[in-house]
């Protein structure tokens, strides 16, 4: 499937946005349902019981516009 830039109508290339976690742990972005304000009993952010999707990001080869999808 090919994507077209919404800004300049050039072609888009697939990639991903890199997250650096604790100790520079590398991972790709994930979309999570609900509010980030919901905390576990230890006061940490939790995703237990929430719907998650990996995020795919496309970059325009002409103008650099980024567009992300969570499927």
N, C-alpha and C. Protein backbone atom coordinates (compact mmCIF):
# COMPACT_ATOMS: atom_id res chain seq x y z
N UNK A 1 0.84 -1.18 0.00
CA UNK A 1 0.00 0.00 0.00
C UNK A 1 0.89 1.24 0.00
N UNK A 2 0.60 2.21 -0.83
CA UNK A 2 1.39 3.43 -0.86
C UNK A 2 0.56 4.59 -0.31
N UNK A 3 1.24 5.52 0.33
CA UNK A 3 0.59 6.68 0.93
C UNK A 3 1.07 7.94 0.21
N UNK A 4 0.16 8.93 0.15
CA UNK A 4 0.48 10.21 -0.48
C UNK A 4 0.44 11.30 0.59
N UNK A 5 1.40 12.19 0.54
CA UNK A 5 1.48 13.29 1.51
C UNK A 5 0.25 14.19 1.42
N UNK A 6 -0.35 14.48 2.57
CA UNK A 6 -1.53 15.35 2.63
C UNK A 6 -1.17 16.81 2.36
N UNK A 7 0.11 17.17 2.48
CA UNK A 7 0.54 18.56 2.30
C UNK A 7 0.96 18.87 0.86
N UNK A 8 1.84 18.00 0.29
CA UNK A 8 2.38 18.32 -1.04
C UNK A 8 2.12 17.23 -2.08
N UNK A 9 1.45 16.15 -1.69
CA UNK A 9 1.04 15.05 -2.56
C UNK A 9 2.19 14.24 -3.13
N UNK A 10 3.36 14.27 -2.49
CA UNK A 10 4.49 13.42 -2.88
C UNK A 10 4.35 12.07 -2.20
N UNK A 11 5.24 11.14 -2.49
CA UNK A 11 5.17 9.81 -1.89
C UNK A 11 5.67 9.83 -0.44
N UNK A 12 5.17 8.89 0.33
CA UNK A 12 5.53 8.75 1.74
C UNK A 12 6.30 7.45 1.92
N UNK A 13 7.30 7.46 2.81
CA UNK A 13 8.04 6.24 3.13
C UNK A 13 7.74 5.83 4.56
N UNK A 14 7.62 4.52 4.80
CA UNK A 14 7.30 4.02 6.13
C UNK A 14 8.53 4.02 7.02
N UNK A 15 8.33 4.29 8.28
CA UNK A 15 9.39 4.24 9.29
C UNK A 15 8.75 4.14 10.65
N UNK A 16 9.46 4.55 11.69
CA UNK A 16 8.89 4.54 13.03
C UNK A 16 9.58 5.59 13.88
N UNK A 17 8.88 6.02 14.94
CA UNK A 17 9.45 6.96 15.89
C UNK A 17 10.04 6.15 17.03
N UNK A 18 11.26 6.43 17.37
CA UNK A 18 11.99 5.67 18.37
C UNK A 18 11.81 6.27 19.75
N UNK A 19 11.50 5.42 20.71
CA UNK A 19 11.39 5.82 22.11
C UNK A 19 12.62 5.33 22.84
N UNK A 20 13.20 6.19 23.67
CA UNK A 20 14.32 5.78 24.52
C UNK A 20 13.83 5.75 25.95
N UNK A 21 13.81 4.57 26.52
CA UNK A 21 13.32 4.42 27.88
C UNK A 21 14.44 4.42 28.90
N UNK A 22 14.19 3.78 30.01
CA UNK A 22 15.16 3.68 31.10
C UNK A 22 16.43 3.01 30.60
N UNK A 23 17.58 3.55 30.91
CA UNK A 23 18.89 3.07 30.45
C UNK A 23 18.98 3.05 28.92
N UNK A 24 18.32 4.01 28.25
CA UNK A 24 18.29 4.12 26.80
C UNK A 24 17.75 2.87 26.12
N UNK A 25 16.85 2.15 26.79
CA UNK A 25 16.15 1.01 26.20
C UNK A 25 15.40 1.50 24.96
N UNK A 26 15.59 0.87 23.81
CA UNK A 26 14.96 1.31 22.57
C UNK A 26 13.68 0.54 22.30
N UNK A 27 12.63 1.26 21.84
CA UNK A 27 11.38 0.64 21.46
C UNK A 27 10.64 1.57 20.52
N UNK A 28 9.66 1.01 19.80
CA UNK A 28 8.84 1.85 18.94
C UNK A 28 7.64 2.34 19.74
N UNK A 29 6.98 3.37 19.25
CA UNK A 29 5.84 3.95 19.97
C UNK A 29 4.65 3.00 19.96
N UNK A 30 3.85 3.09 21.01
CA UNK A 30 2.63 2.30 21.14
C UNK A 30 1.52 3.26 21.54
N UNK A 31 0.35 3.12 20.88
CA UNK A 31 -0.83 3.89 21.25
C UNK A 31 -1.56 3.11 22.32
N UNK A 32 -2.02 3.80 23.39
CA UNK A 32 -2.69 3.15 24.51
C UNK A 32 -4.03 3.83 24.74
N UNK A 33 -5.10 3.03 24.89
CA UNK A 33 -6.43 3.59 25.16
C UNK A 33 -6.48 4.18 26.57
N UNK A 34 -7.36 5.14 26.77
CA UNK A 34 -7.56 5.70 28.09
C UNK A 34 -6.68 6.89 28.40
N UNK A 35 -6.63 7.24 29.67
CA UNK A 35 -5.90 8.41 30.14
C UNK A 35 -4.54 8.02 30.72
N UNK A 36 -3.50 8.84 30.49
CA UNK A 36 -2.20 8.56 31.10
C UNK A 36 -2.18 8.87 32.60
N UNK A 37 -3.26 9.48 33.11
CA UNK A 37 -3.32 9.84 34.53
C UNK A 37 -3.67 8.65 35.43
N UNK A 38 -4.15 7.54 34.82
CA UNK A 38 -4.48 6.37 35.61
C UNK A 38 -3.19 5.71 36.09
N UNK A 39 -3.06 5.48 37.40
CA UNK A 39 -1.82 4.98 37.99
C UNK A 39 -2.05 3.63 38.67
N UNK A 40 -0.97 2.87 38.81
CA UNK A 40 -1.01 1.62 39.56
C UNK A 40 -0.98 1.95 41.06
N UNK A 41 -1.08 0.91 41.90
CA UNK A 41 -1.07 1.16 43.35
C UNK A 41 0.26 1.72 43.83
N UNK A 42 1.33 1.60 43.00
CA UNK A 42 2.63 2.18 43.36
C UNK A 42 2.79 3.61 42.83
N UNK A 43 1.75 4.12 42.17
CA UNK A 43 1.80 5.47 41.65
C UNK A 43 2.44 5.59 40.28
N UNK A 44 2.72 4.46 39.66
CA UNK A 44 3.32 4.46 38.32
C UNK A 44 2.24 4.35 37.25
N UNK A 45 2.55 4.86 36.05
CA UNK A 45 1.64 4.72 34.93
C UNK A 45 1.44 3.23 34.63
N UNK A 46 0.21 2.84 34.30
CA UNK A 46 -0.07 1.44 34.02
C UNK A 46 -0.85 1.30 32.72
N UNK A 47 -0.63 0.20 32.02
CA UNK A 47 -1.40 -0.09 30.81
C UNK A 47 -2.17 -1.40 30.97
N UNK A 48 -2.18 -1.94 32.17
CA UNK A 48 -2.87 -3.20 32.43
C UNK A 48 -4.35 -3.08 32.06
N UNK A 49 -4.83 -4.02 31.24
CA UNK A 49 -6.23 -4.03 30.83
C UNK A 49 -6.59 -3.03 29.75
N UNK A 50 -5.61 -2.32 29.20
CA UNK A 50 -5.88 -1.32 28.17
C UNK A 50 -5.56 -1.87 26.78
N UNK A 51 -6.24 -1.35 25.78
CA UNK A 51 -5.99 -1.72 24.40
C UNK A 51 -4.75 -0.98 23.91
N UNK A 52 -3.84 -1.69 23.24
CA UNK A 52 -2.63 -1.05 22.69
C UNK A 52 -2.46 -1.40 21.22
N UNK A 53 -1.87 -0.50 20.47
CA UNK A 53 -1.56 -0.70 19.06
C UNK A 53 -0.15 -0.16 18.79
N UNK A 54 0.61 -0.87 17.98
CA UNK A 54 1.89 -0.33 17.53
C UNK A 54 1.62 0.82 16.58
N UNK A 55 2.45 1.84 16.61
CA UNK A 55 2.28 3.02 15.78
C UNK A 55 3.21 2.94 14.57
N UNK A 56 2.63 3.10 13.38
CA UNK A 56 3.41 3.18 12.13
C UNK A 56 3.44 4.64 11.71
N UNK A 57 4.60 5.13 11.34
CA UNK A 57 4.73 6.53 10.93
C UNK A 57 5.30 6.60 9.52
N UNK A 58 4.73 7.50 8.73
CA UNK A 58 5.18 7.71 7.35
C UNK A 58 5.74 9.12 7.22
N UNK A 59 6.82 9.26 6.44
CA UNK A 59 7.48 10.55 6.22
C UNK A 59 7.45 10.89 4.75
N UNK A 60 7.06 12.12 4.44
CA UNK A 60 7.05 12.58 3.04
C UNK A 60 8.48 12.69 2.54
N UNK A 61 8.74 12.12 1.37
CA UNK A 61 10.08 12.17 0.79
C UNK A 61 10.43 13.55 0.24
N UNK A 62 9.44 14.43 0.13
CA UNK A 62 9.68 15.77 -0.40
C UNK A 62 9.76 16.83 0.71
N UNK A 63 8.70 16.94 1.53
CA UNK A 63 8.65 18.03 2.51
C UNK A 63 8.91 17.59 3.94
N UNK A 64 8.98 16.28 4.22
CA UNK A 64 9.29 15.80 5.55
C UNK A 64 8.10 15.68 6.49
N UNK A 65 6.89 15.96 6.02
CA UNK A 65 5.68 15.85 6.85
C UNK A 65 5.57 14.43 7.39
N UNK A 66 5.20 14.29 8.68
CA UNK A 66 5.03 12.98 9.32
C UNK A 66 3.55 12.72 9.57
N UNK A 67 3.14 11.46 9.33
CA UNK A 67 1.76 11.05 9.56
C UNK A 67 1.81 9.67 10.23
N UNK A 68 1.12 9.51 11.37
CA UNK A 68 1.18 8.27 12.13
C UNK A 68 -0.17 7.58 12.16
N UNK A 69 -0.13 6.23 12.21
CA UNK A 69 -1.32 5.40 12.25
C UNK A 69 -1.16 4.33 13.31
N UNK A 70 -2.24 4.01 14.01
CA UNK A 70 -2.26 2.93 14.99
C UNK A 70 -3.34 1.94 14.55
N UNK A 71 -2.91 0.85 13.93
CA UNK A 71 -3.87 -0.15 13.41
C UNK A 71 -3.82 -1.41 14.21
